[in-house]
C-alpha atoms as a PDB file:
ATOM      1  CA  UNK A   1     -65.571 -22.944 -11.410  1.00  0.00           C
ATOM      2  CA  UNK A   2     -65.109 -24.481  -7.983  1.00  0.00           C
ATOM      3  CA  UNK A   3     -64.650 -28.240  -7.772  1.00  0.00           C
ATOM      4  CA  UNK A   4     -63.570 -30.756  -5.157  1.00  0.00           C
ATOM      5  CA  UNK A   5     -62.771 -34.406  -5.531  1.00  0.00           C
ATOM      6  CA  UNK A   6     -65.126 -36.914  -3.977  1.00  0.00           C
ATOM      7  CA  UNK A   7     -62.421 -38.188  -1.617  1.00  0.00           C
ATOM      8  CA  UNK A   8     -61.794 -34.620  -0.414  1.00  0.00           C
ATOM      9  CA  UNK A   9     -65.474 -34.163   0.374  1.00  0.00           C
ATOM     10  CA  UNK A  10     -65.623 -37.442   2.293  1.00  0.00           C
ATOM     11  CA  UNK A  11     -62.538 -36.673   4.336  1.00  0.00           C
ATOM     12  CA  UNK A  12     -63.684 -33.134   5.104  1.00  0.00           C
ATOM     13  CA  UNK A  13     -67.137 -34.309   6.184  1.00  0.00           C
ATOM     14  CA  UNK A  14     -65.456 -36.881   8.448  1.00  0.00           C
ATOM     15  CA  UNK A  15     -63.254 -34.122   9.917  1.00  0.00           C
ATOM     16  CA  UNK A  16     -66.347 -32.044  10.665  1.00  0.00           C
ATOM     17  CA  UNK A  17     -68.016 -35.033  12.328  1.00  0.00           C
ATOM     18  CA  UNK A  18     -64.931 -35.810  14.377  1.00  0.00           C
ATOM     19  CA  UNK A  19     -64.631 -32.198  15.515  1.00  0.00           C
ATOM     20  CA  UNK A  20     -68.264 -31.864  16.592  1.00  0.00           C
ATOM     21  CA  UNK A  21     -68.409 -35.255  18.263  1.00  0.00           C
ATOM     22  CA  UNK A  22     -64.953 -35.127  19.825  1.00  0.00           C
ATOM     23  CA  UNK A  23     -63.830 -38.401  18.308  1.00  0.00           C
ATOM     24  CA  UNK A  24     -60.994 -39.732  16.163  1.00  0.00           C
ATOM     25  CA  UNK A  25     -62.156 -39.333  12.567  1.00  0.00           C
ATOM     26  CA  UNK A  26     -59.958 -42.161  11.303  1.00  0.00           C
ATOM     27  CA  UNK A  27     -62.437 -44.668  12.765  1.00  0.00           C
ATOM     28  CA  UNK A  28     -65.438 -43.283  10.897  1.00  0.00           C
ATOM     29  CA  UNK A  29     -66.723 -45.522   8.116  1.00  0.00           C
ATOM     30  CA  UNK A  30     -69.753 -45.024   5.900  1.00  0.00           C
ATOM     31  CA  UNK A  31     -72.035 -47.296   7.894  1.00  0.00           C
ATOM     32  CA  UNK A  32     -71.172 -45.745  11.283  1.00  0.00           C
ATOM     33  CA  UNK A  33     -74.466 -44.532  12.769  1.00  0.00           C
ATOM     34  CA  UNK A  34     -74.648 -41.125  14.420  1.00  0.00           C
ATOM     35  CA  UNK A  35     -76.533 -42.553  17.397  1.00  0.00           C
ATOM     36  CA  UNK A  36     -73.712 -45.060  17.934  1.00  0.00           C
ATOM     37  CA  UNK A  37     -71.355 -42.076  18.163  1.00  0.00           C
ATOM     38  CA  UNK A  38     -73.550 -40.457  20.803  1.00  0.00           C
ATOM     39  CA  UNK A  39     -74.833 -37.752  18.465  1.00  0.00           C
ATOM     40  CA  UNK A  40     -78.191 -36.197  19.268  1.00  0.00           C
ATOM     41  CA  UNK A  41     -80.381 -34.040  17.017  1.00  0.00           C
ATOM     42  CA  UNK A  42     -78.569 -30.845  18.079  1.00  0.00           C
ATOM     43  CA  UNK A  43     -75.238 -32.411  17.109  1.00  0.00           C
ATOM     44  CA  UNK A  44     -76.652 -33.282  13.687  1.00  0.00           C
ATOM     45  CA  UNK A  45     -77.892 -29.695  13.219  1.00  0.00           C
ATOM     46  CA  UNK A  46     -74.434 -28.340  14.090  1.00  0.00           C
ATOM     47  CA  UNK A  47     -72.772 -30.840  11.742  1.00  0.00           C
ATOM     48  CA  UNK A  48     -75.119 -29.876   8.902  1.00  0.00           C
ATOM     49  CA  UNK A  49     -74.479 -26.175   9.495  1.00  0.00           C
ATOM     50  CA  UNK A  50     -70.716 -26.739   9.471  1.00  0.00           C
ATOM     51  CA  UNK A  51     -70.967 -28.716   6.225  1.00  0.00           C
ATOM     52  CA  UNK A  52     -73.041 -25.958   4.646  1.00  0.00           C
ATOM     53  CA  UNK A  53     -70.467 -23.372   5.650  1.00  0.00           C
ATOM     54  CA  UNK A  54     -67.459 -25.478   4.628  1.00  0.00           C
ATOM     55  CA  UNK A  55     -68.801 -26.382   1.192  1.00  0.00           C
ATOM     56  CA  UNK A  56     -70.908 -23.304   0.395  1.00  0.00           C
ATOM     57  CA  UNK A  57     -74.115 -25.299  -0.044  1.00  0.00           C
ATOM     58  CA  UNK A  58     -77.560 -25.441   1.534  1.00  0.00           C
ATOM     59  CA  UNK A  59     -78.812 -28.764   2.838  1.00  0.00           C
ATOM     60  CA  UNK A  60     -82.626 -28.852   2.945  1.00  0.00           C
ATOM     61  CA  UNK A  61     -84.155 -29.703   6.331  1.00  0.00           C
ATOM     62  CA  UNK A  62     -85.953 -32.750   4.884  1.00  0.00           C
ATOM     63  CA  UNK A  63     -82.564 -34.172   3.901  1.00  0.00           C
ATOM     64  CA  UNK A  64     -80.799 -33.150   7.104  1.00  0.00           C
ATOM     65  CA  UNK A  65     -83.379 -34.895   9.282  1.00  0.00           C
ATOM     66  CA  UNK A  66     -82.877 -38.125   7.346  1.00  0.00           C
ATOM     67  CA  UNK A  67     -79.133 -38.349   7.965  1.00  0.00           C
ATOM     68  CA  UNK A  68     -78.394 -41.404  10.091  1.00  0.00           C
ATOM     69  CA  UNK A  69     -74.896 -42.520   9.092  1.00  0.00           C
ATOM     70  CA  UNK A  70     -71.551 -41.054   8.110  1.00  0.00           C
ATOM     71  CA  UNK A  71     -72.159 -42.271   4.563  1.00  0.00           C
ATOM     72  CA  UNK A  72     -75.529 -40.482   4.481  1.00  0.00           C
ATOM     73  CA  UNK A  73     -73.805 -37.219   5.405  1.00  0.00           C
ATOM     74  CA  UNK A  74     -71.046 -37.669   2.828  1.00  0.00           C
ATOM     75  CA  UNK A  75     -73.495 -38.553   0.026  1.00  0.00           C
ATOM     76  CA  UNK A  76     -75.750 -35.629   0.946  1.00  0.00           C
ATOM     77  CA  UNK A  77     -72.890 -33.127   0.787  1.00  0.00           C
ATOM     78  CA  UNK A  78     -71.578 -34.672  -2.452  1.00  0.00           C
ATOM     79  CA  UNK A  79     -75.037 -34.310  -4.013  1.00  0.00           C
ATOM     80  CA  UNK A  80     -75.326 -30.675  -2.919  1.00  0.00           C
ATOM     81  CA  UNK A  81     -71.844 -29.851  -4.219  1.00  0.00           C
ATOM     82  CA  UNK A  82     -72.605 -31.602  -7.527  1.00  0.00           C
ATOM     83  CA  UNK A  83     -75.845 -29.610  -7.849  1.00  0.00           C
ATOM     84  CA  UNK A  84     -73.965 -26.370  -7.162  1.00  0.00           C
ATOM     85  CA  UNK A  85     -71.317 -27.178  -9.772  1.00  0.00           C
ATOM     86  CA  UNK A  86     -74.012 -28.142 -12.313  1.00  0.00           C
ATOM     87  CA  UNK A  87     -75.893 -24.900 -11.683  1.00  0.00           C
ATOM     88  CA  UNK A  88     -72.715 -22.888 -12.164  1.00  0.00           C
ATOM     89  CA  UNK A  89     -71.873 -24.688 -15.406  1.00  0.00           C
ATOM     90  CA  UNK A  90     -75.378 -24.059 -16.765  1.00  0.00           C
ATOM     91  CA  UNK A  91     -74.904 -20.303 -16.595  1.00  0.00           C
ATOM     92  CA  UNK A  92     -74.532 -19.237 -20.190  1.00  0.00           C
ATOM     93  CA  UNK A  93     -72.147 -16.384 -20.977  1.00  0.00           C
ATOM     94  CA  UNK A  94     -74.485 -15.434 -23.834  1.00  0.00           C
ATOM     95  CA  UNK A  95     -77.258 -14.850 -21.308  1.00  0.00           C
ATOM     96  CA  UNK A  96     -75.070 -12.442 -19.371  1.00  0.00           C
ATOM     97  CA  UNK A  97     -74.155 -10.684 -22.626  1.00  0.00           C
ATOM     98  CA  UNK A  98     -77.813 -10.366 -23.537  1.00  0.00           C
ATOM     99  CA  UNK A  99     -78.528  -8.725 -20.166  1.00  0.00           C
ATOM    100  CA  UNK A 100     -75.577  -6.372 -20.686  1.00  0.00           C
ATOM    101  CA  UNK A 101     -76.804  -5.387 -24.154  1.00  0.00           C
ATOM    102  CA  UNK A 102     -80.296  -4.792 -22.772  1.00  0.00           C
ATOM    103  CA  UNK A 103     -78.924  -2.579 -20.004  1.00  0.00           C
ATOM    104  CA  UNK A 104     -76.793  -0.586 -22.450  1.00  0.00           C
ATOM    105  CA  UNK A 105     -79.625  -0.105 -24.952  1.00  0.00           C
ATOM    106  CA  UNK A 106     -81.929   1.089 -22.156  1.00  0.00           C
ATOM    107  CA  UNK A 107     -79.652   4.082 -21.466  1.00  0.00           C
END
């Protein structure tokens, strides 16, 4: 199972923001607003797409359009990663075995 610590997620999201906005990521704090960084809606879309690619998650449009601060972005990615990890841990090996037995008995 794939896991990341919360601090890793926050720092990686800040790195993505810094890259896309051409700024020093060490100055980004949770309450820093995207508009104060000069980010427009296209920048936010690119940031969201980079986060999705980096973390292997999908961020719904309704959530992406509501991102206004660095903290919003970090919390959104953390929630998506947590949901992914929870979904992976809910896969039951017995369920896979049942499917395998069904496939074998069908032959």
